[in-house]
C-alpha atoms as a PDB file:
ATOM      1  CA  UNK A   1      15.413 -19.107 -17.525  1.00  0.00           C
ATOM      2  CA  UNK A   2      15.602 -22.796 -18.273  1.00  0.00           C
ATOM      3  CA  UNK A   3      18.215 -24.873 -16.493  1.00  0.00           C
ATOM      4  CA  UNK A   4      19.079 -28.427 -17.466  1.00  0.00           C
ATOM      5  CA  UNK A   5      21.485 -30.910 -15.909  1.00  0.00           C
ATOM      6  CA  UNK A   6      22.253 -33.240 -18.817  1.00  0.00           C
ATOM      7  CA  UNK A   7      24.137 -36.500 -18.261  1.00  0.00           C
ATOM      8  CA  UNK A   8      26.615 -36.959 -21.094  1.00  0.00           C
ATOM      9  CA  UNK A   9      29.377 -39.352 -19.980  1.00  0.00           C
ATOM     10  CA  UNK A  10      30.822 -41.019 -16.929  1.00  0.00           C
ATOM     11  CA  UNK A  11      32.623 -38.469 -14.781  1.00  0.00           C
ATOM     12  CA  UNK A  12      31.191 -35.537 -16.733  1.00  0.00           C
ATOM     13  CA  UNK A  13      28.381 -33.113 -15.931  1.00  0.00           C
ATOM     14  CA  UNK A  14      26.770 -30.714 -18.394  1.00  0.00           C
ATOM     15  CA  UNK A  15      24.791 -27.822 -16.977  1.00  0.00           C
ATOM     16  CA  UNK A  16      22.897 -25.966 -19.725  1.00  0.00           C
ATOM     17  CA  UNK A  17      21.434 -22.532 -19.054  1.00  0.00           C
ATOM     18  CA  UNK A  18      18.973 -21.024 -21.532  1.00  0.00           C
ATOM     19  CA  UNK A  19      17.255 -17.647 -21.549  1.00  0.00           C
ATOM     20  CA  UNK A  20      18.218 -15.027 -18.978  1.00  0.00           C
ATOM     21  CA  UNK A  21      21.090 -15.426 -16.532  1.00  0.00           C
ATOM     22  CA  UNK A  22      20.002 -12.861 -13.990  1.00  0.00           C
ATOM     23  CA  UNK A  23      19.332 -12.090 -10.358  1.00  0.00           C
ATOM     24  CA  UNK A  24      15.993 -13.926 -10.385  1.00  0.00           C
ATOM     25  CA  UNK A  25      17.530 -17.194 -11.578  1.00  0.00           C
ATOM     26  CA  UNK A  26      20.632 -17.042  -9.376  1.00  0.00           C
ATOM     27  CA  UNK A  27      19.319 -19.370  -6.623  1.00  0.00           C
ATOM     28  CA  UNK A  28      18.390 -22.051  -9.169  1.00  0.00           C
ATOM     29  CA  UNK A  29      21.834 -21.803 -10.818  1.00  0.00           C
ATOM     30  CA  UNK A  30      23.617 -22.102  -7.460  1.00  0.00           C
ATOM     31  CA  UNK A  31      21.512 -25.090  -6.456  1.00  0.00           C
ATOM     32  CA  UNK A  32      21.885 -26.958  -9.763  1.00  0.00           C
ATOM     33  CA  UNK A  33      25.623 -26.379  -9.928  1.00  0.00           C
ATOM     34  CA  UNK A  34      26.137 -27.541  -6.332  1.00  0.00           C
ATOM     35  CA  UNK A  35      24.015 -30.649  -6.922  1.00  0.00           C
ATOM     36  CA  UNK A  36      25.946 -31.573 -10.072  1.00  0.00           C
ATOM     37  CA  UNK A  37      29.330 -30.923  -8.432  1.00  0.00           C
ATOM     38  CA  UNK A  38      28.439 -32.924  -5.331  1.00  0.00           C
ATOM     39  CA  UNK A  39      27.829 -36.075  -7.369  1.00  0.00           C
ATOM     40  CA  UNK A  40      30.737 -38.356  -6.434  1.00  0.00           C
ATOM     41  CA  UNK A  41      31.508 -39.483  -9.980  1.00  0.00           C
ATOM     42  CA  UNK A  42      31.822 -35.984 -11.498  1.00  0.00           C
ATOM     43  CA  UNK A  43      35.391 -34.943 -12.290  1.00  0.00           C
ATOM     44  CA  UNK A  44      34.659 -32.447 -15.089  1.00  0.00           C
ATOM     45  CA  UNK A  45      31.807 -30.012 -15.613  1.00  0.00           C
ATOM     46  CA  UNK A  46      30.807 -27.997 -18.656  1.00  0.00           C
ATOM     47  CA  UNK A  47      28.477 -25.032 -18.177  1.00  0.00           C
ATOM     48  CA  UNK A  48      26.829 -24.362 -21.541  1.00  0.00           C
ATOM     49  CA  UNK A  49      25.731 -20.734 -21.883  1.00  0.00           C
ATOM     50  CA  UNK A  50      25.280 -20.844 -25.649  1.00  0.00           C
ATOM     51  CA  UNK A  51      21.556 -20.176 -25.402  1.00  0.00           C
ATOM     52  CA  UNK A  52      21.694 -17.380 -22.815  1.00  0.00           C
ATOM     53  CA  UNK A  53      19.832 -14.443 -24.321  1.00  0.00           C
ATOM     54  CA  UNK A  54      20.657 -11.891 -21.608  1.00  0.00           C
ATOM     55  CA  UNK A  55      22.843 -11.771 -18.518  1.00  0.00           C
ATOM     56  CA  UNK A  56      23.171  -9.188 -15.792  1.00  0.00           C
ATOM     57  CA  UNK A  57      26.070  -8.589 -13.418  1.00  0.00           C
ATOM     58  CA  UNK A  58      24.329 -10.289 -10.507  1.00  0.00           C
ATOM     59  CA  UNK A  59      23.546 -13.412 -12.520  1.00  0.00           C
ATOM     60  CA  UNK A  60      27.139 -13.726 -13.741  1.00  0.00           C
ATOM     61  CA  UNK A  61      28.500 -13.020 -10.245  1.00  0.00           C
ATOM     62  CA  UNK A  62      26.213 -15.675  -8.790  1.00  0.00           C
ATOM     63  CA  UNK A  63      27.382 -18.224 -11.359  1.00  0.00           C
ATOM     64  CA  UNK A  64      31.032 -17.387 -10.656  1.00  0.00           C
ATOM     65  CA  UNK A  65      30.469 -17.683  -6.895  1.00  0.00           C
ATOM     66  CA  UNK A  66      28.754 -21.051  -7.347  1.00  0.00           C
ATOM     67  CA  UNK A  67      31.711 -22.304  -9.404  1.00  0.00           C
ATOM     68  CA  UNK A  68      34.176 -21.097  -6.748  1.00  0.00           C
ATOM     69  CA  UNK A  69      32.169 -22.833  -4.014  1.00  0.00           C
ATOM     70  CA  UNK A  70      32.049 -26.085  -5.988  1.00  0.00           C
ATOM     71  CA  UNK A  71      35.810 -25.944  -6.569  1.00  0.00           C
ATOM     72  CA  UNK A  72      36.448 -25.235  -2.887  1.00  0.00           C
ATOM     73  CA  UNK A  73      34.420 -28.321  -1.906  1.00  0.00           C
ATOM     74  CA  UNK A  74      35.887 -30.485  -4.681  1.00  0.00           C
ATOM     75  CA  UNK A  75      39.462 -29.365  -5.467  1.00  0.00           C
ATOM     76  CA  UNK A  76      39.944 -32.034  -8.160  1.00  0.00           C
ATOM     77  CA  UNK A  77      36.874 -30.846 -10.109  1.00  0.00           C
ATOM     78  CA  UNK A  78      37.597 -29.099 -13.414  1.00  0.00           C
ATOM     79  CA  UNK A  79      34.982 -26.619 -14.663  1.00  0.00           C
ATOM     80  CA  UNK A  80      34.738 -24.741 -17.953  1.00  0.00           C
ATOM     81  CA  UNK A  81      32.056 -22.613 -19.560  1.00  0.00           C
ATOM     82  CA  UNK A  82      30.984 -22.375 -23.192  1.00  0.00           C
ATOM     83  CA  UNK A  83      29.858 -18.832 -23.962  1.00  0.00           C
ATOM     84  CA  UNK A  84      29.755 -17.548 -27.540  1.00  0.00           C
ATOM     85  CA  UNK A  85      28.684 -14.075 -26.359  1.00  0.00           C
ATOM     86  CA  UNK A  86      31.896 -12.060 -25.977  1.00  0.00           C
ATOM     87  CA  UNK A  87      30.678  -9.888 -23.084  1.00  0.00           C
ATOM     88  CA  UNK A  88      29.499 -12.924 -21.109  1.00  0.00           C
ATOM     89  CA  UNK A  89      32.724 -14.777 -21.925  1.00  0.00           C
ATOM     90  CA  UNK A  90      34.742 -11.753 -20.805  1.00  0.00           C
ATOM     91  CA  UNK A  91      32.895 -11.496 -17.509  1.00  0.00           C
ATOM     92  CA  UNK A  92      33.444 -15.187 -16.799  1.00  0.00           C
ATOM     93  CA  UNK A  93      37.120 -14.941 -17.742  1.00  0.00           C
ATOM     94  CA  UNK A  94      37.536 -12.061 -15.295  1.00  0.00           C
ATOM     95  CA  UNK A  95      36.032 -14.366 -12.662  1.00  0.00           C
ATOM     96  CA  UNK A  96      38.806 -16.890 -13.494  1.00  0.00           C
ATOM     97  CA  UNK A  97      36.452 -19.408 -15.133  1.00  0.00           C
ATOM     98  CA  UNK A  98      37.959 -20.960 -18.276  1.00  0.00           C
ATOM     99  CA  UNK A  99      35.717 -20.117 -21.239  1.00  0.00           C
ATOM    100  CA  UNK A 100      35.449 -21.528 -24.754  1.00  0.00           C
ATOM    101  CA  UNK A 101      33.575 -19.615 -27.435  1.00  0.00           C
ATOM    102  CA  UNK A 102      32.063 -22.685 -29.073  1.00  0.00           C
ATOM    103  CA  UNK A 103      31.049 -26.105 -27.842  1.00  0.00           C
ATOM    104  CA  UNK A 104      33.228 -27.780 -30.458  1.00  0.00           C
ATOM    105  CA  UNK A 105      36.266 -25.989 -28.992  1.00  0.00           C
ATOM    106  CA  UNK A 106      35.580 -27.611 -25.630  1.00  0.00           C
ATOM    107  CA  UNK A 107      35.890 -31.112 -27.099  1.00  0.00           C
ATOM    108  CA  UNK A 108      39.444 -31.568 -25.735  1.00  0.00           C
ATOM    109  CA  UNK A 109      38.142 -30.886 -22.258  1.00  0.00           C
ATOM    110  CA  UNK A 110      35.204 -33.253 -22.613  1.00  0.00           C
ATOM    111  CA  UNK A 111      37.143 -36.145 -24.124  1.00  0.00           C
ATOM    112  CA  UNK A 112      40.910 -35.490 -24.115  1.00  0.00           C
ATOM    113  CA  UNK A 113      41.754 -38.940 -25.498  1.00  0.00           C
ATOM    114  CA  UNK A 114      39.821 -38.398 -28.722  1.00  0.00           C
ATOM    115  CA  UNK A 115      40.651 -34.738 -29.297  1.00  0.00           C
ATOM    116  CA  UNK A 116      43.926 -35.250 -31.157  1.00  0.00           C
END
């Protein structure tokens, strides 16, 4: 698994996960998400799962738990995921994480003023 925290705009965090989202990578996902969420200037976060090649239940559950923890610590934080894989998107939706199927669809979330 490759995990990247990519700065994209003021107030916005992009966490990109590539490869396998599984039990082995769960601690790294939790740590990276907490670090990004704890940055004072972050109001919105996009979790890009477009390049995830495989995901197991424990990896998805760990990601969902990390999102819930970040939201509990930062109630004003808004988090979405981009997951083109329908089974991964479904699992995240069941965990109450808003999911877009394509990055372009998330544009309104990233920059609501220019999305019209």
